[in-house]
């Protein structure tokens, strides 16, 4: 690659850096993040009891009383259902 071409590409990247969300998506950093029911309900714009009735949203049962959700699953659900 020519040095001029490399420098022009480097300037473009410097002018438009990746956002934190783009970096997490590219690196897969948020695949293992787990959130509670309250946070998931807030992200989806529903109440906690409505969230628990959503059968097509994958959930993790940490013990008999608490449900948690993978952050990536909640984001995918939100994107799929246009919220």
N, C-alpha and C. Protein backbone atom coordinates (compact mmCIF):
# COMPACT_ATOMS: atom_id res chain seq x y z
N UNK A 1 0.84 -1.16 0.00
CA UNK A 1 0.00 0.00 0.00
C UNK A 1 0.90 1.24 0.00
N UNK A 2 0.52 2.20 -0.78
CA UNK A 2 1.28 3.44 -0.84
C UNK A 2 1.15 4.20 0.47
N UNK A 3 2.18 4.93 0.80
CA UNK A 3 2.18 5.69 2.04
C UNK A 3 1.08 6.75 2.02
N UNK A 4 0.84 7.38 0.88
CA UNK A 4 -0.21 8.40 0.77
C UNK A 4 -1.59 7.80 1.04
N UNK A 5 -1.83 6.63 0.48
CA UNK A 5 -3.12 5.95 0.68
C UNK A 5 -3.30 5.60 2.15
N UNK A 6 -2.27 5.06 2.78
CA UNK A 6 -2.35 4.71 4.19
C UNK A 6 -2.63 5.93 5.05
N UNK A 7 -1.96 7.03 4.77
CA UNK A 7 -2.16 8.25 5.56
C UNK A 7 -3.56 8.82 5.38
N UNK A 8 -4.11 8.71 4.17
CA UNK A 8 -5.47 9.22 3.95
C UNK A 8 -6.50 8.35 4.68
N UNK A 9 -6.27 7.05 4.72
CA UNK A 9 -7.17 6.16 5.47
C UNK A 9 -7.04 6.45 6.96
N UNK A 10 -5.83 6.66 7.44
CA UNK A 10 -5.62 6.98 8.85
C UNK A 10 -6.32 8.27 9.22
N UNK A 11 -6.32 9.26 8.34
CA UNK A 11 -7.02 10.52 8.63
C UNK A 11 -8.52 10.30 8.70
N UNK A 12 -9.06 9.46 7.83
CA UNK A 12 -10.50 9.17 7.86
C UNK A 12 -10.90 8.51 9.17
N UNK A 13 -10.11 7.58 9.65
CA UNK A 13 -10.40 6.91 10.90
C UNK A 13 -10.30 7.88 12.07
N UNK A 14 -9.31 8.76 12.04
CA UNK A 14 -9.16 9.76 13.09
C UNK A 14 -10.33 10.73 13.12
N UNK A 15 -10.86 11.06 11.95
CA UNK A 15 -11.99 11.99 11.87
C UNK A 15 -13.30 11.35 12.31
N UNK A 16 -13.45 10.05 12.17
CA UNK A 16 -14.69 9.36 12.50
C UNK A 16 -14.39 8.10 13.31
N UNK A 17 -14.04 8.24 14.58
CA UNK A 17 -13.69 7.07 15.38
C UNK A 17 -14.94 6.22 15.70
N UNK A 18 -14.69 4.98 16.04
CA UNK A 18 -15.78 4.09 16.41
C UNK A 18 -16.37 4.51 17.75
N UNK A 19 -17.68 4.31 17.89
CA UNK A 19 -18.31 4.57 19.18
C UNK A 19 -18.06 3.39 20.11
N UNK A 20 -18.33 3.59 21.39
CA UNK A 20 -18.16 2.50 22.35
C UNK A 20 -19.04 1.30 22.01
N UNK A 21 -20.26 1.57 21.57
CA UNK A 21 -21.17 0.48 21.20
C UNK A 21 -20.63 -0.31 20.00
N UNK A 22 -20.06 0.38 19.03
CA UNK A 22 -19.50 -0.31 17.87
C UNK A 22 -18.30 -1.15 18.26
N UNK A 23 -17.47 -0.63 19.16
CA UNK A 23 -16.31 -1.39 19.63
C UNK A 23 -16.76 -2.65 20.36
N UNK A 24 -17.77 -2.53 21.24
CA UNK A 24 -18.28 -3.70 21.97
C UNK A 24 -18.85 -4.73 21.01
N UNK A 25 -19.56 -4.27 19.98
CA UNK A 25 -20.15 -5.19 19.02
C UNK A 25 -19.08 -5.91 18.21
N UNK A 26 -18.06 -5.18 17.79
CA UNK A 26 -17.00 -5.80 17.00
C UNK A 26 -16.16 -6.78 17.81
N UNK A 27 -15.94 -6.47 19.07
CA UNK A 27 -15.11 -7.33 19.91
C UNK A 27 -15.90 -8.41 20.62
N UNK A 28 -17.23 -8.28 20.63
CA UNK A 28 -18.05 -9.26 21.34
C UNK A 28 -17.98 -9.12 22.84
N UNK A 29 -17.69 -7.93 23.33
CA UNK A 29 -17.47 -7.72 24.76
C UNK A 29 -18.75 -7.82 25.58
N UNK A 30 -19.90 -7.56 24.98
CA UNK A 30 -21.13 -7.57 25.78
C UNK A 30 -21.91 -8.88 25.69
N UNK A 31 -21.32 -9.90 25.12
CA UNK A 31 -22.03 -11.17 24.99
C UNK A 31 -22.24 -11.85 26.34
N UNK A 32 -21.36 -11.60 27.29
CA UNK A 32 -21.47 -12.26 28.58
C UNK A 32 -22.05 -11.37 29.66
N UNK A 33 -22.39 -10.11 29.34
CA UNK A 33 -22.96 -9.22 30.32
C UNK A 33 -24.38 -9.66 30.67
N UNK A 34 -24.68 -9.67 31.95
CA UNK A 34 -25.98 -10.10 32.44
C UNK A 34 -26.60 -8.95 33.22
N UNK A 35 -27.90 -8.71 33.00
CA UNK A 35 -28.60 -7.65 33.70
C UNK A 35 -29.81 -8.22 34.43
N UNK A 36 -30.30 -7.50 35.40
CA UNK A 36 -31.45 -7.92 36.18
C UNK A 36 -32.76 -7.60 35.47
N UNK A 37 -33.85 -8.06 36.08
CA UNK A 37 -35.17 -7.87 35.51
C UNK A 37 -35.55 -6.39 35.42
N UNK A 38 -35.19 -5.62 36.43
CA UNK A 38 -35.54 -4.20 36.44
C UNK A 38 -34.89 -3.46 35.29
N UNK A 39 -33.62 -3.72 35.08
CA UNK A 39 -32.89 -3.05 33.99
C UNK A 39 -33.40 -3.50 32.63
N UNK A 40 -33.68 -4.78 32.47
CA UNK A 40 -34.20 -5.29 31.20
C UNK A 40 -35.57 -4.68 30.90
N UNK A 41 -36.41 -4.59 31.91
CA UNK A 41 -37.74 -4.00 31.73
C UNK A 41 -37.62 -2.53 31.33
N UNK A 42 -36.69 -1.83 31.96
CA UNK A 42 -36.46 -0.43 31.63
C UNK A 42 -35.99 -0.28 30.18
N UNK A 43 -35.11 -1.14 29.74
CA UNK A 43 -34.61 -1.07 28.36
C UNK A 43 -35.71 -1.34 27.34
N UNK A 44 -36.65 -2.22 27.69
CA UNK A 44 -37.73 -2.57 26.77
C UNK A 44 -38.95 -1.68 26.93
N UNK A 45 -38.98 -0.87 27.97
CA UNK A 45 -40.10 0.03 28.18
C UNK A 45 -41.35 -0.65 28.69
N UNK A 46 -41.17 -1.71 29.47
CA UNK A 46 -42.31 -2.44 30.04
C UNK A 46 -42.11 -2.57 31.55
N UNK A 47 -43.14 -3.04 32.23
CA UNK A 47 -43.03 -3.31 33.67
C UNK A 47 -42.40 -4.69 33.87
N UNK A 48 -41.89 -4.93 35.07
CA UNK A 48 -41.21 -6.19 35.37
C UNK A 48 -42.15 -7.37 35.21
N UNK A 49 -43.41 -7.24 35.67
CA UNK A 49 -44.33 -8.37 35.54
C UNK A 49 -44.68 -8.66 34.08
N UNK A 50 -44.70 -7.63 33.24
CA UNK A 50 -44.90 -7.85 31.80
C UNK A 50 -43.69 -8.54 31.18
N UNK A 51 -42.52 -8.15 31.65
CA UNK A 51 -41.28 -8.75 31.15
C UNK A 51 -41.26 -10.25 31.43
N UNK A 52 -41.68 -10.63 32.59
CA UNK A 52 -41.66 -12.05 32.97
C UNK A 52 -42.64 -12.88 32.15
N UNK A 53 -43.66 -12.24 31.57
CA UNK A 53 -44.62 -12.98 30.73
C UNK A 53 -44.16 -13.10 29.29
N UNK A 54 -43.08 -12.44 28.92
CA UNK A 54 -42.55 -12.53 27.55
C UNK A 54 -41.82 -13.86 27.40
N UNK A 55 -42.47 -14.82 26.79
CA UNK A 55 -41.92 -16.17 26.70
C UNK A 55 -40.82 -16.31 25.65
N UNK A 56 -40.80 -15.42 24.66
CA UNK A 56 -39.79 -15.56 23.60
C UNK A 56 -38.50 -14.79 23.90
N UNK A 57 -38.38 -14.19 25.08
CA UNK A 57 -37.15 -13.53 25.50
C UNK A 57 -36.34 -14.50 26.35
N UNK A 58 -35.14 -14.89 25.89
CA UNK A 58 -34.33 -15.84 26.67
C UNK A 58 -33.95 -15.27 28.03
N UNK A 59 -33.98 -16.11 29.05
CA UNK A 59 -33.66 -15.67 30.40
C UNK A 59 -32.76 -16.66 31.10
N UNK A 60 -32.11 -16.19 32.14
CA UNK A 60 -31.24 -17.04 32.97
C UNK A 60 -31.83 -17.08 34.36
N UNK A 61 -31.93 -18.25 34.92
CA UNK A 61 -32.42 -18.38 36.28
C UNK A 61 -31.21 -18.58 37.19
N UNK A 62 -30.90 -17.55 37.97
CA UNK A 62 -29.72 -17.62 38.83
C UNK A 62 -30.02 -18.40 40.11
N UNK A 63 -31.23 -18.28 40.60
CA UNK A 63 -31.71 -19.11 41.70
C UNK A 63 -33.23 -19.17 41.59
N UNK A 64 -33.91 -19.67 42.58
CA UNK A 64 -35.36 -19.86 42.47
C UNK A 64 -36.14 -18.55 42.39
N UNK A 65 -35.56 -17.46 42.85
CA UNK A 65 -36.32 -16.21 42.94
C UNK A 65 -35.91 -15.15 41.92
N UNK A 66 -34.71 -15.22 41.38
CA UNK A 66 -34.23 -14.15 40.53
C UNK A 66 -34.03 -14.61 39.09
N UNK A 67 -34.52 -13.78 38.18
CA UNK A 67 -34.28 -13.99 36.75
C UNK A 67 -33.34 -12.91 36.26
N UNK A 68 -32.43 -13.30 35.40
CA UNK A 68 -31.54 -12.34 34.78
C UNK A 68 -31.55 -12.57 33.28
N UNK A 69 -31.09 -11.58 32.56
CA UNK A 69 -31.14 -11.60 31.10
C UNK A 69 -29.78 -11.22 30.55
N UNK A 70 -29.40 -11.83 29.44
CA UNK A 70 -28.17 -11.43 28.77
C UNK A 70 -28.44 -10.11 28.05
N UNK A 71 -27.53 -9.20 28.17
CA UNK A 71 -27.69 -7.88 27.57
C UNK A 71 -27.85 -7.97 26.07
N UNK A 72 -27.11 -8.85 25.44
CA UNK A 72 -27.19 -8.98 23.99
C UNK A 72 -28.57 -9.52 23.56
N UNK A 73 -29.18 -10.40 24.37
CA UNK A 73 -30.51 -10.91 24.05
C UNK A 73 -31.57 -9.82 24.17
N UNK A 74 -31.45 -8.98 25.19
CA UNK A 74 -32.42 -7.89 25.38
C UNK A 74 -32.32 -6.90 24.22
N UNK A 75 -31.09 -6.57 23.83
CA UNK A 75 -30.92 -5.65 22.70
C UNK A 75 -31.47 -6.24 21.41
N UNK A 76 -31.24 -7.52 21.18
CA UNK A 76 -31.75 -8.17 19.97
C UNK A 76 -33.27 -8.20 19.97
N UNK A 77 -33.87 -8.49 21.13
CA UNK A 77 -35.33 -8.50 21.25
C UNK A 77 -35.89 -7.11 20.96
N UNK A 78 -35.24 -6.09 21.52
CA UNK A 78 -35.69 -4.70 21.31
C UNK A 78 -35.59 -4.33 19.83
N UNK A 79 -34.51 -4.70 19.18
CA UNK A 79 -34.33 -4.38 17.77
C UNK A 79 -35.33 -5.13 16.89
N UNK A 80 -35.60 -6.36 17.25
CA UNK A 80 -36.53 -7.19 16.46
C UNK A 80 -37.96 -6.68 16.53
N UNK A 81 -38.33 -6.20 17.71
CA UNK A 81 -39.72 -5.78 17.91
C UNK A 81 -39.90 -4.26 17.79
N UNK A 82 -38.88 -3.58 17.25
CA UNK A 82 -38.94 -2.15 16.92
C UNK A 82 -39.31 -1.27 18.10
N UNK A 83 -38.66 -1.51 19.22
CA UNK A 83 -38.90 -0.63 20.38
C UNK A 83 -37.84 0.35 20.43
